[in-house]
Amino acid sequence: MPASGLRRVQSALSDDRALKLRDDESVLLRCDVSLVIERVKDEEVENAEDATARECELFVTTSRVVFASMDDTYECDYHSLALHAISRSDERFGARGCVYCQVDDDESGSSAETETTHAYVSPTAATTVETIYAAMSEGSMMNPDSSDGESDDDARYDEDDEATLRRLDDLVVVEDEVEALMRNDPGRFEDGE
């Protein structure tokens, strides 16, 4: 499945602000967070002036991550979530820290320019960054990236590695040779004092 990035969605929530779930989808975590979104192209933040914290509700589900504010709703599938990690070094969030997410926005995978979205998610209530991180990790594990499987290069490296190990095994036949020497001269390897 190609990465589709962090995208704005319409009608993701019902009138009572519950997330409209897809088939076979369930909510792993729902909590209030402070969210900063930075769009990065070729290592430069494109929306630096708009990258201010906004209050929203986070839904971590079995198939996607959804950020729903009063004005906008964004979502990304786990195949687009390239990285998530706990960060305590961002001064915008103080001691409570945040979960840093790097979202791949390149749908085709062939763009010459690198486009990513950086999302900084910090809990505003009793939820901890560790809880958010754990829920995202669980969702990621439930949605393995099919491109993480073996490629032709992986098979080539495996064959090369196997050939190297066979050569090393052939060189390390010490045990048999030592046994033969011990049978012929049992005192050969005794300490000489």
N, C-alpha and C. Protein backbone atom coordinates (compact mmCIF):
# COMPACT_ATOMS: atom_id res chain seq x y z
N MET A 1 0.85 -1.18 0.00
CA MET A 1 0.00 0.00 0.00
C MET A 1 0.89 1.24 0.00
N PRO A 2 0.72 2.16 -0.94
CA PRO A 2 1.55 3.35 -0.97
C PRO A 2 1.23 4.29 0.18
N ALA A 3 2.23 5.03 0.60
CA ALA A 3 2.03 6.01 1.65
C ALA A 3 1.18 7.15 1.12
N SER A 4 0.19 7.55 1.89
CA SER A 4 -0.67 8.64 1.44
C SER A 4 -0.54 9.85 2.34
N GLY A 5 0.29 9.79 3.34
CA GLY A 5 0.60 10.94 4.16
C GLY A 5 -0.48 11.32 5.15
N LEU A 6 -0.24 12.47 5.77
CA LEU A 6 -1.20 13.05 6.70
C LEU A 6 -2.16 13.87 5.86
N ARG A 7 -3.41 13.47 5.83
CA ARG A 7 -4.37 14.13 4.95
C ARG A 7 -5.56 14.66 5.75
N ARG A 8 -6.11 15.76 5.27
CA ARG A 8 -7.30 16.34 5.87
C ARG A 8 -8.50 15.52 5.40
N VAL A 9 -9.39 15.20 6.32
CA VAL A 9 -10.56 14.40 5.99
C VAL A 9 -11.83 15.11 6.43
N GLN A 10 -12.89 14.85 5.72
CA GLN A 10 -14.21 15.38 6.04
C GLN A 10 -15.05 14.28 6.68
N SER A 11 -15.92 14.64 7.54
CA SER A 11 -16.92 13.71 8.11
C SER A 11 -16.30 12.50 8.79
N ALA A 12 -15.16 12.67 9.44
CA ALA A 12 -14.55 11.55 10.16
C ALA A 12 -15.21 11.32 11.51
N LEU A 13 -15.89 12.36 12.01
CA LEU A 13 -16.53 12.26 13.32
C LEU A 13 -18.04 12.33 13.18
N SER A 14 -18.72 11.66 14.09
CA SER A 14 -20.18 11.75 14.13
C SER A 14 -20.57 13.05 14.85
N ASP A 15 -21.86 13.32 14.93
CA ASP A 15 -22.33 14.54 15.58
C ASP A 15 -21.92 14.63 17.05
N ASP A 16 -21.79 13.49 17.70
CA ASP A 16 -21.37 13.49 19.11
C ASP A 16 -19.84 13.37 19.26
N ARG A 17 -19.10 13.66 18.19
CA ARG A 17 -17.64 13.69 18.13
C ARG A 17 -17.00 12.32 18.35
N ALA A 18 -17.73 11.27 18.08
CA ALA A 18 -17.16 9.92 18.09
C ALA A 18 -16.58 9.65 16.70
N LEU A 19 -15.50 8.92 16.65
CA LEU A 19 -14.87 8.60 15.38
C LEU A 19 -15.71 7.58 14.62
N LYS A 20 -15.94 7.84 13.35
CA LYS A 20 -16.63 6.87 12.50
C LYS A 20 -15.61 5.80 12.12
N LEU A 21 -15.85 4.60 12.58
CA LEU A 21 -14.89 3.52 12.39
C LEU A 21 -15.09 2.82 11.06
N ARG A 22 -14.00 2.34 10.49
CA ARG A 22 -14.03 1.52 9.29
C ARG A 22 -14.40 0.09 9.70
N ASP A 23 -14.64 -0.75 8.70
CA ASP A 23 -14.90 -2.17 8.98
C ASP A 23 -13.70 -2.77 9.71
N ASP A 24 -13.96 -3.58 10.70
CA ASP A 24 -12.91 -4.28 11.47
C ASP A 24 -11.91 -3.34 12.12
N GLU A 25 -12.31 -2.12 12.44
CA GLU A 25 -11.43 -1.16 13.09
C GLU A 25 -11.94 -0.92 14.51
N SER A 26 -11.02 -0.79 15.45
CA SER A 26 -11.40 -0.44 16.81
C SER A 26 -10.43 0.61 17.34
N VAL A 27 -10.87 1.33 18.35
CA VAL A 27 -10.07 2.40 18.94
C VAL A 27 -9.17 1.81 20.03
N LEU A 28 -7.87 2.07 19.91
CA LEU A 28 -6.91 1.63 20.92
C LEU A 28 -6.74 2.69 22.00
N LEU A 29 -6.83 3.97 21.61
CA LEU A 29 -6.64 5.08 22.55
C LEU A 29 -7.39 6.30 22.04
N ARG A 30 -8.03 7.00 22.97
CA ARG A 30 -8.69 8.28 22.66
C ARG A 30 -8.31 9.22 23.79
N CYS A 31 -7.70 10.37 23.44
CA CYS A 31 -7.30 11.32 24.47
C CYS A 31 -7.15 12.72 23.88
N ASP A 32 -7.12 13.71 24.77
CA ASP A 32 -6.91 15.10 24.36
C ASP A 32 -5.41 15.36 24.27
N VAL A 33 -5.02 16.05 23.19
CA VAL A 33 -3.60 16.34 22.98
C VAL A 33 -3.43 17.74 22.44
N SER A 34 -2.20 18.20 22.52
CA SER A 34 -1.76 19.41 21.84
C SER A 34 -0.95 18.93 20.64
N LEU A 35 -1.24 19.48 19.45
CA LEU A 35 -0.65 18.99 18.22
C LEU A 35 0.02 20.13 17.46
N VAL A 36 1.24 19.88 17.00
CA VAL A 36 1.95 20.79 16.10
C VAL A 36 2.25 20.01 14.83
N ILE A 37 1.88 20.58 13.68
CA ILE A 37 2.15 19.93 12.39
C ILE A 37 3.11 20.81 11.60
N GLU A 38 4.21 20.21 11.17
CA GLU A 38 5.18 20.91 10.32
C GLU A 38 5.32 20.15 9.01
N ARG A 39 5.13 20.85 7.91
CA ARG A 39 5.34 20.26 6.58
C ARG A 39 6.77 20.56 6.18
N VAL A 40 7.53 19.53 5.84
CA VAL A 40 8.95 19.68 5.54
C VAL A 40 9.21 19.20 4.12
N LYS A 41 9.88 20.07 3.35
CA LYS A 41 10.26 19.72 1.98
C LYS A 41 11.74 20.01 1.84
N ASP A 42 12.50 19.00 1.43
CA ASP A 42 13.96 19.13 1.30
C ASP A 42 14.59 19.74 2.55
N GLU A 43 14.18 19.22 3.71
CA GLU A 43 14.73 19.59 5.01
C GLU A 43 14.42 21.01 5.46
N GLU A 44 13.48 21.69 4.82
CA GLU A 44 13.06 23.03 5.25
C GLU A 44 11.59 23.00 5.63
N VAL A 45 11.27 23.59 6.80
CA VAL A 45 9.89 23.66 7.23
C VAL A 45 9.17 24.68 6.36
N GLU A 46 8.12 24.23 5.68
CA GLU A 46 7.39 25.11 4.76
C GLU A 46 6.36 25.97 5.47
N ASN A 47 5.82 25.49 6.58
CA ASN A 47 4.75 26.21 7.25
C ASN A 47 5.16 26.68 8.64
N ALA A 48 6.37 27.17 8.78
CA ALA A 48 6.91 27.54 10.09
C ALA A 48 6.00 28.53 10.82
N GLU A 49 5.45 29.48 10.08
CA GLU A 49 4.60 30.48 10.74
C GLU A 49 3.25 29.90 11.18
N ASP A 50 2.81 28.82 10.55
CA ASP A 50 1.53 28.20 10.90
C ASP A 50 1.69 27.02 11.86
N ALA A 51 2.90 26.67 12.18
CA ALA A 51 3.17 25.48 12.99
C ALA A 51 3.02 25.79 14.47
N THR A 52 1.82 26.20 14.86
CA THR A 52 1.54 26.48 16.26
C THR A 52 0.73 25.33 16.85
N ALA A 53 0.82 25.18 18.14
CA ALA A 53 0.10 24.10 18.81
C ALA A 53 -1.40 24.34 18.75
N ARG A 54 -2.13 23.28 18.47
CA ARG A 54 -3.60 23.34 18.48
C ARG A 54 -4.11 22.20 19.34
N GLU A 55 -5.18 22.47 20.04
CA GLU A 55 -5.79 21.44 20.86
C GLU A 55 -6.66 20.54 19.98
N CYS A 56 -6.54 19.25 20.18
CA CYS A 56 -7.38 18.33 19.40
C CYS A 56 -7.54 17.03 20.17
N GLU A 57 -8.35 16.17 19.60
CA GLU A 57 -8.57 14.86 20.17
C GLU A 57 -7.83 13.85 19.30
N LEU A 58 -7.09 12.98 19.94
CA LEU A 58 -6.32 11.95 19.25
C LEU A 58 -7.07 10.63 19.33
N PHE A 59 -7.22 9.99 18.19
CA PHE A 59 -7.77 8.64 18.12
C PHE A 59 -6.68 7.74 17.52
N VAL A 60 -6.20 6.80 18.29
CA VAL A 60 -5.27 5.80 17.77
C VAL A 60 -6.11 4.54 17.60
N THR A 61 -6.24 4.09 16.36
CA THR A 61 -7.07 2.92 16.08
C THR A 61 -6.20 1.77 15.58
N THR A 62 -6.85 0.69 15.26
CA THR A 62 -6.14 -0.48 14.75
C THR A 62 -5.69 -0.31 13.31
N SER A 63 -6.14 0.76 12.62
CA SER A 63 -5.73 0.94 11.22
C SER A 63 -5.23 2.33 10.88
N ARG A 64 -5.36 3.31 11.79
CA ARG A 64 -4.94 4.68 11.47
C ARG A 64 -4.81 5.51 12.74
N VAL A 65 -4.23 6.70 12.55
CA VAL A 65 -4.12 7.70 13.62
C VAL A 65 -4.90 8.92 13.14
N VAL A 66 -5.80 9.43 14.01
CA VAL A 66 -6.67 10.55 13.63
C VAL A 66 -6.51 11.67 14.65
N PHE A 67 -6.34 12.90 14.14
CA PHE A 67 -6.27 14.10 14.96
C PHE A 67 -7.50 14.95 14.62
N ALA A 68 -8.40 15.16 15.58
CA ALA A 68 -9.63 15.90 15.32
C ALA A 68 -9.70 17.14 16.19
N SER A 69 -9.54 18.31 15.57
CA SER A 69 -9.73 19.57 16.29
C SER A 69 -11.14 20.07 16.00
N MET A 70 -11.50 21.21 16.54
CA MET A 70 -12.82 21.77 16.27
C MET A 70 -12.93 22.20 14.81
N ASP A 71 -11.82 22.57 14.19
CA ASP A 71 -11.84 23.07 12.82
C ASP A 71 -11.50 22.02 11.77
N ASP A 72 -10.48 21.22 12.03
CA ASP A 72 -9.97 20.29 11.03
C ASP A 72 -9.80 18.89 11.61
N THR A 73 -9.84 17.92 10.74
CA THR A 73 -9.54 16.54 11.12
C THR A 73 -8.51 16.01 10.14
N TYR A 74 -7.43 15.44 10.68
CA TYR A 74 -6.36 14.84 9.88
C TYR A 74 -6.24 13.38 10.26
N GLU A 75 -5.80 12.58 9.29
CA GLU A 75 -5.56 11.17 9.58
C GLU A 75 -4.38 10.68 8.76
N CYS A 76 -3.78 9.61 9.24
CA CYS A 76 -2.76 8.90 8.45
C CYS A 76 -2.87 7.42 8.77
N ASP A 77 -2.66 6.61 7.76
CA ASP A 77 -2.61 5.16 7.94
C ASP A 77 -1.23 4.80 8.46
N TYR A 78 -1.11 3.64 9.05
CA TYR A 78 0.18 3.24 9.60
C TYR A 78 1.25 3.06 8.53
N HIS A 79 0.85 2.78 7.29
CA HIS A 79 1.84 2.65 6.21
C HIS A 79 2.52 3.98 5.92
N SER A 80 1.87 5.09 6.27
CA SER A 80 2.46 6.42 6.08
C SER A 80 3.27 6.86 7.29
N LEU A 81 3.04 6.24 8.43
CA LEU A 81 3.73 6.61 9.66
C LEU A 81 5.11 5.97 9.66
N ALA A 82 6.09 6.73 9.16
CA ALA A 82 7.44 6.20 8.99
C ALA A 82 8.15 6.01 10.32
N LEU A 83 7.83 6.87 11.29
CA LEU A 83 8.56 6.86 12.55
C LEU A 83 7.69 7.49 13.63
N HIS A 84 7.75 6.94 14.82
CA HIS A 84 7.19 7.61 15.99
C HIS A 84 8.11 7.31 17.17
N ALA A 85 8.34 8.34 17.98
CA ALA A 85 9.28 8.21 19.09
C ALA A 85 8.94 9.21 20.18
N ILE A 86 9.33 8.91 21.39
CA ILE A 86 9.13 9.84 22.50
C ILE A 86 10.25 10.87 22.48
N SER A 87 9.88 12.14 22.61
CA SER A 87 10.86 13.23 22.65
C SER A 87 10.61 14.06 23.89
N ARG A 88 11.67 14.32 24.61
CA ARG A 88 11.57 15.21 25.77
C ARG A 88 12.42 16.46 25.56
N SER A 89 12.95 16.63 24.35
CA SER A 89 13.85 17.75 24.09
C SER A 89 13.17 18.95 23.45
N ASP A 90 11.91 18.84 23.07
CA ASP A 90 11.20 19.95 22.43
C ASP A 90 10.66 20.88 23.51
N GLU A 91 11.20 22.08 23.59
CA GLU A 91 10.84 23.03 24.65
C GLU A 91 9.38 23.46 24.58
N ARG A 92 8.74 23.32 23.43
CA ARG A 92 7.34 23.72 23.30
C ARG A 92 6.43 22.91 24.22
N PHE A 93 6.86 21.72 24.63
CA PHE A 93 6.00 20.84 25.40
C PHE A 93 6.46 20.65 26.84
N GLY A 94 7.55 21.27 27.22
CA GLY A 94 8.02 21.20 28.59
C GLY A 94 8.38 19.79 29.04
N ALA A 95 8.26 19.57 30.33
CA ALA A 95 8.69 18.31 30.93
C ALA A 95 7.83 17.12 30.51
N ARG A 96 6.59 17.38 30.13
CA ARG A 96 5.72 16.25 29.77
C ARG A 96 6.15 15.60 28.46
N GLY A 97 6.89 16.32 27.62
CA GLY A 97 7.39 15.76 26.37
C GLY A 97 6.31 15.60 25.32
N CYS A 98 6.66 14.88 24.26
CA CYS A 98 5.72 14.66 23.17
C CYS A 98 6.08 13.36 22.46
N VAL A 99 5.17 12.92 21.61
CA VAL A 99 5.47 11.82 20.70
C VAL A 99 5.70 12.48 19.35
N TYR A 100 6.89 12.30 18.82
CA TYR A 100 7.25 12.84 17.51
C TYR A 100 6.88 11.81 16.46
N CYS A 101 6.18 12.25 15.42
CA CYS A 101 5.79 11.36 14.33
C CYS A 101 6.31 11.92 13.02
N GLN A 102 6.93 11.08 12.24
CA GLN A 102 7.34 11.45 10.89
C GLN A 102 6.44 10.71 9.92
N VAL A 103 5.70 11.47 9.11
CA VAL A 103 4.71 10.90 8.20
C VAL A 103 5.20 11.08 6.78
N ASP A 104 5.27 9.99 6.04
CA ASP A 104 5.71 10.01 4.65
C ASP A 104 4.57 10.52 3.78
N ASP A 105 4.80 11.62 3.05
CA ASP A 105 3.77 12.21 2.20
C ASP A 105 3.91 11.85 0.74
N ASP A 106 4.93 11.08 0.37
CA ASP A 106 5.18 10.78 -1.04
C ASP A 106 4.33 9.60 -1.47
N GLU A 107 3.28 9.88 -2.23
CA GLU A 107 2.39 8.82 -2.68
C GLU A 107 3.04 7.94 -3.73
N SER A 108 3.81 8.52 -4.63
CA SER A 108 4.37 7.75 -5.74
C SER A 108 5.66 7.04 -5.36
N GLY A 109 6.37 7.57 -4.38
CA GLY A 109 7.65 6.99 -4.01
C GLY A 109 8.77 7.36 -4.97
N SER A 110 8.47 8.16 -6.01
CA SER A 110 9.49 8.48 -7.00
C SER A 110 9.78 9.97 -7.08
N SER A 111 9.27 10.74 -6.16
CA SER A 111 9.48 12.18 -6.19
C SER A 111 10.95 12.51 -5.94
N ALA A 112 11.48 13.45 -6.70
CA ALA A 112 12.87 13.87 -6.52
C ALA A 112 13.00 14.67 -5.22
N GLU A 113 11.93 15.34 -4.82
CA GLU A 113 11.96 16.12 -3.59
C GLU A 113 11.40 15.27 -2.45
N THR A 114 12.03 15.38 -1.30
CA THR A 114 11.58 14.64 -0.15
C THR A 114 10.54 15.47 0.59
N GLU A 115 9.35 14.92 0.74
CA GLU A 115 8.29 15.61 1.46
C GLU A 115 7.86 14.75 2.64
N THR A 116 7.89 15.33 3.81
CA THR A 116 7.42 14.65 5.01
C THR A 116 6.63 15.63 5.85
N THR A 117 5.88 15.08 6.75
CA THR A 117 5.17 15.87 7.74
C THR A 117 5.68 15.44 9.10
N HIS A 118 6.00 16.40 9.92
CA HIS A 118 6.40 16.11 11.29
C HIS A 118 5.24 16.52 12.19
N ALA A 119 4.76 15.60 12.99
CA ALA A 119 3.68 15.88 13.93
C ALA A 119 4.22 15.67 15.33
N TYR A 120 3.96 16.63 16.18
CA TYR A 120 4.39 16.58 17.58
C TYR A 120 3.12 16.49 18.42
N VAL A 121 2.96 15.39 19.14
CA VAL A 121 1.73 15.10 19.87
C VAL A 121 2.04 15.06 21.36
N SER A 122 1.40 15.96 22.12
CA SER A 122 1.66 16.01 23.55
C SER A 122 0.33 15.93 24.31
N PRO A 123 0.24 15.05 25.29
CA PRO A 123 -1.02 14.91 26.03
C PRO A 123 -1.31 16.17 26.85
N THR A 124 -2.59 16.52 26.93
CA THR A 124 -2.98 17.69 27.72
C THR A 124 -3.70 17.28 29.00
N ALA A 125 -4.00 16.01 29.15
CA ALA A 125 -4.71 15.54 30.34
C ALA A 125 -3.87 14.46 31.02
N ALA A 126 -4.52 13.49 31.61
CA ALA A 126 -3.84 12.47 32.40
C ALA A 126 -3.04 11.47 31.57
N THR A 127 -3.30 11.38 30.29
CA THR A 127 -2.58 10.44 29.44
C THR A 127 -1.11 10.83 29.37
N THR A 128 -0.23 9.85 29.29
CA THR A 128 1.20 10.14 29.20
C THR A 128 1.70 9.91 27.78
N VAL A 129 2.87 10.45 27.47
CA VAL A 129 3.47 10.21 26.16
C VAL A 129 3.77 8.73 25.98
N GLU A 130 4.09 8.05 27.06
CA GLU A 130 4.36 6.61 26.98
C GLU A 130 3.11 5.84 26.55
N THR A 131 1.94 6.26 27.04
CA THR A 131 0.68 5.62 26.67
C THR A 131 0.37 5.83 25.20
N ILE A 132 0.58 7.06 24.72
CA ILE A 132 0.35 7.37 23.30
C ILE A 132 1.31 6.56 22.44
N TYR A 133 2.59 6.57 22.82
CA TYR A 133 3.60 5.82 22.07
C TYR A 133 3.25 4.33 22.01
N ALA A 134 2.84 3.76 23.15
CA ALA A 134 2.51 2.33 23.20
C ALA A 134 1.33 2.01 22.28
N ALA A 135 0.31 2.88 22.27
CA ALA A 135 -0.86 2.64 21.40
C ALA A 135 -0.46 2.71 19.93
N MET A 136 0.38 3.70 19.57
CA MET A 136 0.84 3.81 18.18
C MET A 136 1.70 2.61 17.79
N SER A 137 2.51 2.14 18.72
CA SER A 137 3.34 0.96 18.46
C SER A 137 2.47 -0.27 18.22
N GLU A 138 1.44 -0.42 19.04
CA GLU A 138 0.53 -1.56 18.87
C GLU A 138 -0.17 -1.50 17.51
N GLY A 139 -0.66 -0.31 17.14
CA GLY A 139 -1.29 -0.15 15.84
C GLY A 139 -0.33 -0.43 14.69
N SER A 140 0.90 0.03 14.83
CA SER A 140 1.91 -0.22 13.79
C SER A 140 2.19 -1.70 13.63
N MET A 141 2.27 -2.41 14.76
CA MET A 141 2.52 -3.86 14.68
C MET A 141 1.36 -4.60 14.02
N MET A 142 0.16 -4.06 14.15
CA MET A 142 -1.02 -4.69 13.54
C MET A 142 -1.09 -4.43 12.04
N ASN A 143 -0.26 -3.51 11.54
CA ASN A 143 -0.28 -3.12 10.13
C ASN A 143 1.13 -3.14 9.56
N PRO A 144 1.73 -4.32 9.43
CA PRO A 144 3.11 -4.37 8.92
C PRO A 144 3.18 -3.84 7.49
N ASP A 145 4.27 -3.18 7.20
CA ASP A 145 4.49 -2.62 5.87
C ASP A 145 4.91 -3.73 4.94
N SER A 146 4.15 -3.95 3.88
CA SER A 146 4.45 -5.03 2.94
C SER A 146 5.79 -4.83 2.25
N SER A 147 6.27 -3.60 2.17
CA SER A 147 7.56 -3.35 1.53
C SER A 147 8.72 -3.70 2.45
N ASP A 148 8.43 -4.04 3.72
CA ASP A 148 9.49 -4.45 4.63
C ASP A 148 9.89 -5.90 4.42
N GLY A 149 9.19 -6.61 3.55
CA GLY A 149 9.50 -8.00 3.27
C GLY A 149 10.80 -8.12 2.51
N GLU A 150 11.10 -9.36 2.13
CA GLU A 150 12.35 -9.59 1.40
C GLU A 150 12.28 -9.02 0.00
N SER A 151 13.35 -8.37 -0.39
CA SER A 151 13.48 -7.91 -1.76
C SER A 151 14.55 -8.77 -2.43
N ASP A 152 14.78 -8.54 -3.72
CA ASP A 152 15.83 -9.27 -4.42
C ASP A 152 17.18 -9.02 -3.78
N ASP A 153 17.42 -7.77 -3.32
CA ASP A 153 18.69 -7.45 -2.67
C ASP A 153 18.86 -8.25 -1.39
N ASP A 154 17.76 -8.40 -0.61
CA ASP A 154 17.85 -9.16 0.63
C ASP A 154 18.26 -10.60 0.35
N ALA A 155 17.69 -11.20 -0.68
CA ALA A 155 18.03 -12.58 -1.03
C ALA A 155 19.49 -12.68 -1.44
N ARG A 156 19.98 -11.71 -2.20
CA ARG A 156 21.38 -11.72 -2.63
C ARG A 156 22.29 -11.63 -1.42
N TYR A 157 21.97 -10.74 -0.48
CA TYR A 157 22.81 -10.61 0.70
C TYR A 157 22.75 -11.87 1.54
N ASP A 158 21.61 -12.50 1.63
CA ASP A 158 21.51 -13.74 2.38
C ASP A 158 22.38 -14.82 1.77
N GLU A 159 22.39 -14.94 0.45
CA GLU A 159 23.24 -15.93 -0.22
C GLU A 159 24.71 -15.61 0.00
N ASP A 160 25.07 -14.33 -0.09
CA ASP A 160 26.46 -13.92 0.15
C ASP A 160 26.86 -14.24 1.59
N ASP A 161 25.98 -13.92 2.53
CA ASP A 161 26.28 -14.19 3.93
C ASP A 161 26.44 -15.68 4.18
N GLU A 162 25.58 -16.46 3.57
CA GLU A 162 25.65 -17.91 3.74
C GLU A 162 26.96 -18.47 3.18
N ALA A 163 27.38 -17.98 2.01
CA ALA A 163 28.63 -18.43 1.41
C ALA A 163 29.82 -18.07 2.30
N THR A 164 29.79 -16.87 2.87
CA THR A 164 30.86 -16.45 3.78
C THR A 164 30.91 -17.35 5.00
N LEU A 165 29.75 -17.66 5.56
CA LEU A 165 29.71 -18.53 6.73
C LEU A 165 30.24 -19.93 6.41
N ARG A 166 29.93 -20.45 5.23
CA ARG A 166 30.45 -21.77 4.84
C ARG A 166 31.98 -21.73 4.75
N ARG A 167 32.52 -20.65 4.15
CA ARG A 167 33.99 -20.53 4.05
C ARG A 167 34.61 -20.47 5.45
N LEU A 168 34.01 -19.71 6.34
CA LEU A 168 34.54 -19.62 7.70
C LEU A 168 34.44 -20.96 8.42
N ASP A 169 33.34 -21.67 8.23
CA ASP A 169 33.19 -22.99 8.84
C ASP A 169 34.28 -23.94 8.35
N ASP A 170 34.60 -23.85 7.05
CA ASP A 170 35.65 -24.71 6.49
C ASP A 170 37.01 -24.38 7.11
N LEU A 171 37.23 -23.11 7.43
CA LEU A 171 38.50 -22.71 8.04
C LEU A 171 38.57 -23.12 9.51
N VAL A 172 37.45 -23.16 10.15
CA VAL A 172 37.42 -23.43 11.58
C VAL A 172 37.06 -24.90 11.81
N VAL A 173 37.98 -25.75 11.48
CA VAL A 173 37.83 -27.18 11.74
C VAL A 173 38.83 -27.57 12.81
N VAL A 174 39.10 -26.64 13.67
CA VAL A 174 40.12 -26.80 14.70
C VAL A 174 39.80 -27.97 15.61
N GLU A 175 38.56 -28.15 15.96
CA GLU A 175 38.20 -29.17 16.93
C GLU A 175 38.66 -30.56 16.47
N ASP A 176 38.39 -30.92 15.22
CA ASP A 176 38.79 -32.23 14.71
C ASP A 176 40.31 -32.35 14.68
N GLU A 177 41.00 -31.29 14.25
CA GLU A 177 42.46 -31.33 14.17
C GLU A 177 43.08 -31.43 15.56
N VAL A 178 42.53 -30.71 16.53
CA VAL A 178 43.05 -30.75 17.90
C VAL A 178 42.86 -32.15 18.47
N GLU A 179 41.69 -32.74 18.24
CA GLU A 179 41.45 -34.10 18.73
C GLU A 179 42.47 -35.08 18.15
N ALA A 180 42.77 -34.95 16.87
CA ALA A 180 43.75 -35.85 16.23
C ALA A 180 45.13 -35.65 16.86
N LEU A 181 45.53 -34.41 17.10
CA LEU A 181 46.83 -34.14 17.72
C LEU A 181 46.87 -34.69 19.14
N MET A 182 45.78 -34.57 19.87
CA MET A 182 45.73 -35.06 21.25
C MET A 182 45.86 -36.59 21.28
N ARG A 183 45.24 -37.27 20.32
CA ARG A 183 45.34 -38.73 20.28
C ARG A 183 46.78 -39.16 20.00
N ASN A 184 47.46 -38.44 19.11
CA ASN A 184 48.82 -38.81 18.74
C ASN A 184 49.84 -38.41 19.81
N ASP A 185 49.61 -37.30 20.51
CA ASP A 185 50.55 -36.79 21.51
C ASP A 185 49.76 -36.17 22.65
N PRO A 186 49.27 -36.99 23.62
CA PRO A 186 48.39 -36.49 24.68
C PRO A 186 48.99 -35.38 25.54
N GLY A 187 50.24 -35.27 25.68
CA GLY A 187 50.85 -34.24 26.52
C GLY A 187 51.18 -32.96 25.78
N ARG A 188 50.86 -32.90 24.54
CA ARG A 188 51.27 -31.78 23.69
C ARG A 188 50.77 -30.42 24.18
N PHE A 189 49.55 -30.34 24.71
CA PHE A 189 48.97 -29.05 25.09
C PHE A 189 48.95 -28.83 26.60
N GLU A 190 49.72 -29.62 27.34
CA GLU A 190 49.80 -29.40 28.77
C GLU A 190 50.71 -28.22 29.05
N ASP A 191 50.43 -27.52 30.14
CA ASP A 191 51.27 -26.38 30.52
C ASP A 191 52.65 -26.88 30.90
N GLY A 192 53.64 -26.22 30.36
CA GLY A 192 55.02 -26.58 30.69
C GLY A 192 55.51 -25.71 31.83
N GLU A 193 55.91 -26.37 32.91
CA GLU A 193 56.44 -25.60 34.04
C GLU A 193 57.85 -25.96 34.30
